[in-house]
Amino acid sequence: MVLGLYNYWIVVLLMMIGFYIVIAHGNLIKKLVGLTIFQTSVFIFYISIGNVDSGSAPILAEGVSRYSNPLPHVLILTAIVVGIATTALGLALAVRIKEAYGSIEEDEIQIQDQLTEDNSKC
């Protein structure tokens, strides 16, 4: 029973790994990698719930009574494209932040912002 649901255990494991990377690391690139891992676990989850045991492709054929729903797979294809676009945007923003601040570490960026804010008040 439990071994038959191994794909769901993989989903949970990948979600926790991605979430931990986002929370624990201050590097913006590492945060993007964590978000991508988390996003991949969601893709695996949707594909897993779209699977039908002994289901066939949704093509009308004689003798086939169980069909697999293609909607989760179509949604995942769209989500992959959106995920690639948002990852590319995040990487482009990380490059611009590196040019502006000289670092992609969250703590260093906040310190520099705090210093410029304090200097502008004087």
C-alpha atoms as a PDB file:
ATOM      1  CA  MET A   1       0.000   0.000   0.000  1.00  0.00           C
ATOM      2  CA  VAL A   2       2.593   2.555   1.098  1.00  0.00           C
ATOM      3  CA  LEU A   3       5.120   1.433  -1.516  1.00  0.00           C
ATOM      4  CA  GLY A   4       2.545   1.846  -4.258  1.00  0.00           C
ATOM      5  CA  LEU A   5       2.314   5.544  -3.462  1.00  0.00           C
ATOM      6  CA  TYR A   6       6.040   6.251  -3.813  1.00  0.00           C
ATOM      7  CA  ASN A   7       5.450   9.094  -6.293  1.00  0.00           C
ATOM      8  CA  TYR A   8       3.511  11.011  -3.632  1.00  0.00           C
ATOM      9  CA  TRP A   9       6.388  10.522  -1.175  1.00  0.00           C
ATOM     10  CA  ILE A  10       8.728  11.924  -3.809  1.00  0.00           C
ATOM     11  CA  VAL A  11       6.401  14.913  -4.237  1.00  0.00           C
ATOM     12  CA  VAL A  12       6.411  15.619  -0.502  1.00  0.00           C
ATOM     13  CA  LEU A  13      10.185  15.198  -0.301  1.00  0.00           C
ATOM     14  CA  LEU A  14      10.814  17.567  -3.225  1.00  0.00           C
ATOM     15  CA  MET A  15       8.378  20.113  -1.788  1.00  0.00           C
ATOM     16  CA  MET A  16      10.136  20.102   1.568  1.00  0.00           C
ATOM     17  CA  ILE A  17      13.586  20.344  -0.047  1.00  0.00           C
ATOM     18  CA  GLY A  18      12.512  23.275  -2.220  1.00  0.00           C
ATOM     19  CA  PHE A  19      10.784  25.019   0.685  1.00  0.00           C
ATOM     20  CA  TYR A  20      13.829  24.555   2.923  1.00  0.00           C
ATOM     21  CA  ILE A  21      16.146  26.026   0.284  1.00  0.00           C
ATOM     22  CA  VAL A  22      13.921  29.101  -0.087  1.00  0.00           C
ATOM     23  CA  ILE A  23      13.701  29.647   3.674  1.00  0.00           C
ATOM     24  CA  ALA A  24      17.253  28.776   4.740  1.00  0.00           C
ATOM     25  CA  HIS A  25      19.407  30.468   2.103  1.00  0.00           C
ATOM     26  CA  GLY A  26      19.959  34.175   1.541  1.00  0.00           C
ATOM     27  CA  ASN A  27      21.454  33.832  -1.921  1.00  0.00           C
ATOM     28  CA  LEU A  28      18.940  34.886  -4.583  1.00  0.00           C
ATOM     29  CA  ILE A  29      20.077  32.243  -7.093  1.00  0.00           C
ATOM     30  CA  LYS A  30      19.689  29.497  -4.477  1.00  0.00           C
ATOM     31  CA  LYS A  31      16.198  30.784  -3.735  1.00  0.00           C
ATOM     32  CA  LEU A  32      15.329  30.542  -7.432  1.00  0.00           C
ATOM     33  CA  VAL A  33      16.643  26.972  -7.518  1.00  0.00           C
ATOM     34  CA  GLY A  34      14.513  26.145  -4.455  1.00  0.00           C
ATOM     35  CA  LEU A  35      11.420  27.606  -6.114  1.00  0.00           C
ATOM     36  CA  THR A  36      12.121  25.570  -9.247  1.00  0.00           C
ATOM     37  CA  ILE A  37      12.432  22.358  -7.204  1.00  0.00           C
ATOM     38  CA  PHE A  38       9.171  23.163  -5.421  1.00  0.00           C
ATOM     39  CA  GLN A  39       7.505  23.864  -8.763  1.00  0.00           C
ATOM     40  CA  THR A  40       8.736  20.543 -10.164  1.00  0.00           C
ATOM     41  CA  SER A  41       7.155  18.711  -7.235  1.00  0.00           C
ATOM     42  CA  VAL A  42       3.822  20.312  -8.080  1.00  0.00           C
ATOM     43  CA  PHE A  43       4.197  19.155 -11.687  1.00  0.00           C
ATOM     44  CA  ILE A  44       4.857  15.590 -10.540  1.00  0.00           C
ATOM     45  CA  PHE A  45       1.834  15.753  -8.231  1.00  0.00           C
ATOM     46  CA  TYR A  46      -0.543  16.867 -10.990  1.00  0.00           C
ATOM     47  CA  ILE A  47       0.755  14.241 -13.391  1.00  0.00           C
ATOM     48  CA  SER A  48       0.361  11.584 -10.674  1.00  0.00           C
ATOM     49  CA  ILE A  49      -3.267  12.417  -9.987  1.00  0.00           C
ATOM     50  CA  GLY A  50      -4.000  12.446 -13.729  1.00  0.00           C
ATOM     51  CA  ASN A  51      -2.913   8.832 -14.090  1.00  0.00           C
ATOM     52  CA  VAL A  52      -5.717   6.265 -14.322  1.00  0.00           C
ATOM     53  CA  ASP A  53      -4.954   2.587 -13.682  1.00  0.00           C
ATOM     54  CA  SER A  54      -5.557   0.565 -16.835  1.00  0.00           C
ATOM     55  CA  GLY A  55      -6.754   3.740 -18.554  1.00  0.00           C
ATOM     56  CA  SER A  56      -6.265   4.345 -22.248  1.00  0.00           C
ATOM     57  CA  ALA A  57      -5.548   7.485 -24.217  1.00  0.00           C
ATOM     58  CA  PRO A  58      -8.757   9.449 -24.829  1.00  0.00           C
ATOM     59  CA  ILE A  59      -9.219   8.128 -28.345  1.00  0.00           C
ATOM     60  CA  LEU A  60     -12.491   6.386 -29.142  1.00  0.00           C
ATOM     61  CA  ALA A  61     -11.754   2.754 -29.775  1.00  0.00           C
ATOM     62  CA  GLU A  62     -13.729  -0.422 -29.647  1.00  0.00           C
ATOM     63  CA  GLY A  63     -13.487  -2.326 -26.357  1.00  0.00           C
ATOM     64  CA  VAL A  64     -12.023   0.544 -24.320  1.00  0.00           C
ATOM     65  CA  SER A  65     -14.115   1.727 -21.392  1.00  0.00           C
ATOM     66  CA  ARG A  66     -11.618   3.608 -19.160  1.00  0.00           C
ATOM     67  CA  TYR A  67      -9.927   6.716 -20.413  1.00  0.00           C
ATOM     68  CA  SER A  68      -7.179   8.780 -18.863  1.00  0.00           C
ATOM     69  CA  ASN A  69      -7.974  12.471 -18.413  1.00  0.00           C
ATOM     70  CA  PRO A  70      -5.622  14.585 -20.583  1.00  0.00           C
ATOM     71  CA  LEU A  71      -6.412  17.866 -18.793  1.00  0.00           C
ATOM     72  CA  PRO A  72      -3.740  17.581 -16.041  1.00  0.00           C
ATOM     73  CA  HIS A  73      -1.070  16.893 -18.649  1.00  0.00           C
ATOM     74  CA  VAL A  74      -2.123  19.870 -20.756  1.00  0.00           C
ATOM     75  CA  LEU A  75      -2.115  22.109 -17.685  1.00  0.00           C
ATOM     76  CA  ILE A  76       1.373  20.930 -16.780  1.00  0.00           C
ATOM     77  CA  LEU A  77       2.683  21.714 -20.260  1.00  0.00           C
ATOM     78  CA  THR A  78       1.373  25.249 -19.855  1.00  0.00           C
ATOM     79  CA  ALA A  79       2.792  25.480 -16.325  1.00  0.00           C
ATOM     80  CA  ILE A  80       6.231  24.365 -17.541  1.00  0.00           C
ATOM     81  CA  VAL A  81       6.306  27.179 -20.085  1.00  0.00           C
ATOM     82  CA  VAL A  82       5.201  29.721 -17.475  1.00  0.00           C
ATOM     83  CA  GLY A  83       7.747  28.314 -15.003  1.00  0.00           C
ATOM     84  CA  ILE A  84      10.599  28.706 -17.478  1.00  0.00           C
ATOM     85  CA  ALA A  85       9.542  32.284 -18.201  1.00  0.00           C
ATOM     86  CA  THR A  86       9.330  33.235 -14.522  1.00  0.00           C
ATOM     87  CA  THR A  87      12.679  31.566 -13.782  1.00  0.00           C
ATOM     88  CA  ALA A  88      14.273  33.504 -16.639  1.00  0.00           C
ATOM     89  CA  LEU A  89      12.758  36.722 -15.298  1.00  0.00           C
ATOM     90  CA  GLY A  90      14.040  35.938 -11.802  1.00  0.00           C
ATOM     91  CA  LEU A  91      17.533  35.291 -13.133  1.00  0.00           C
ATOM     92  CA  ALA A  92      17.443  38.541 -15.104  1.00  0.00           C
ATOM     93  CA  LEU A  93      16.421  40.395 -11.945  1.00  0.00           C
ATOM     94  CA  ALA A  94      19.255  38.715 -10.037  1.00  0.00           C
ATOM     95  CA  VAL A  95      21.718  39.954 -12.660  1.00  0.00           C
ATOM     96  CA  ARG A  96      20.378  43.515 -12.353  1.00  0.00           C
ATOM     97  CA  ILE A  97      20.528  43.332  -8.545  1.00  0.00           C
ATOM     98  CA  LYS A  98      24.133  42.111  -8.789  1.00  0.00           C
ATOM     99  CA  GLU A  99      24.978  45.095 -11.018  1.00  0.00           C
ATOM    100  CA  ALA A 100      23.251  47.571  -8.704  1.00  0.00           C
ATOM    101  CA  TYR A 101      24.396  46.251  -5.318  1.00  0.00           C
ATOM    102  CA  GLY A 102      27.474  44.202  -6.132  1.00  0.00           C
ATOM    103  CA  SER A 103      26.005  41.162  -4.362  1.00  0.00           C
ATOM    104  CA  ILE A 104      23.146  38.696  -4.569  1.00  0.00           C
ATOM    105  CA  GLU A 105      23.127  37.934  -0.845  1.00  0.00           C
ATOM    106  CA  GLU A 106      19.900  39.115   0.751  1.00  0.00           C
ATOM    107  CA  ASP A 107      21.559  40.333   3.982  1.00  0.00           C
ATOM    108  CA  GLU A 108      24.145  42.451   2.157  1.00  0.00           C
ATOM    109  CA  ILE A 109      21.484  44.037  -0.043  1.00  0.00           C
ATOM    110  CA  GLN A 110      19.365  44.946   2.993  1.00  0.00           C
ATOM    111  CA  ILE A 111      22.373  46.471   4.752  1.00  0.00           C
ATOM    112  CA  GLN A 112      23.184  48.594   1.700  1.00  0.00           C
ATOM    113  CA  ASP A 113      19.560  49.719   1.447  1.00  0.00           C
ATOM    114  CA  GLN A 114      19.529  50.627   5.123  1.00  0.00           C
ATOM    115  CA  LEU A 115      22.742  52.656   4.753  1.00  0.00           C
ATOM    116  CA  THR A 116      21.460  54.572   1.732  1.00  0.00           C
ATOM    117  CA  GLU A 117      18.155  55.210   3.527  1.00  0.00           C
ATOM    118  CA  ASP A 118      19.991  56.564   6.603  1.00  0.00           C
ATOM    119  CA  ASN A 119      22.245  58.753   4.417  1.00  0.00           C
ATOM    120  CA  SER A 120      19.271  60.236   2.599  1.00  0.00           C
ATOM    121  CA  LYS A 121      17.632  61.257   5.889  1.00  0.00           C
ATOM    122  CA  CYS A 122      20.658  63.346   6.920  1.00  0.00           C
END
